[in-house]
Amino acid sequence: MLHARMDYQRIQDPAGKIPEAEPVFLIRGQDAVGALIVRKWAEEFEMRGGDSVLAASARAHALLMDAWPTKKLADVPSGTPIATATAAVIQHAPGEFPIESDSSGNGVEEG
């Protein structure tokens, strides 16, 4: 799993179901906009024909996020670098993407 934040690289998939180079994005319950984003994901997912039970599950999870007692805007601990692939995307002009997908769907950085 490829996290945007280097300090989240320790969060991995022990079953190996997520490819090593696949980008993932973690939203915590304490994130002040997290539940909103999860609800938006569920809405878009359903609009594209996604399973309504899975969408309902995401909305239920958003309710749990709403109930989390501590809220704050996301931050990155001082001195924590962003992931190399994320940094490469940030450095390119809008519309350019420095990572191509190989035939397996894994991201491959251009060099």
Foldseek 3Di string as FASTA:
>chain_A
DAEQWPVCPVDDDVVCPDDPQDYDYDDDLQEQCRLVVLLVVLVVCVVVPHDNVVSVVSNVVSVVSVPPPHHDHDDHPPPTDTDPLNVVQVPDDPPDHQWDADPVRGTDGDD
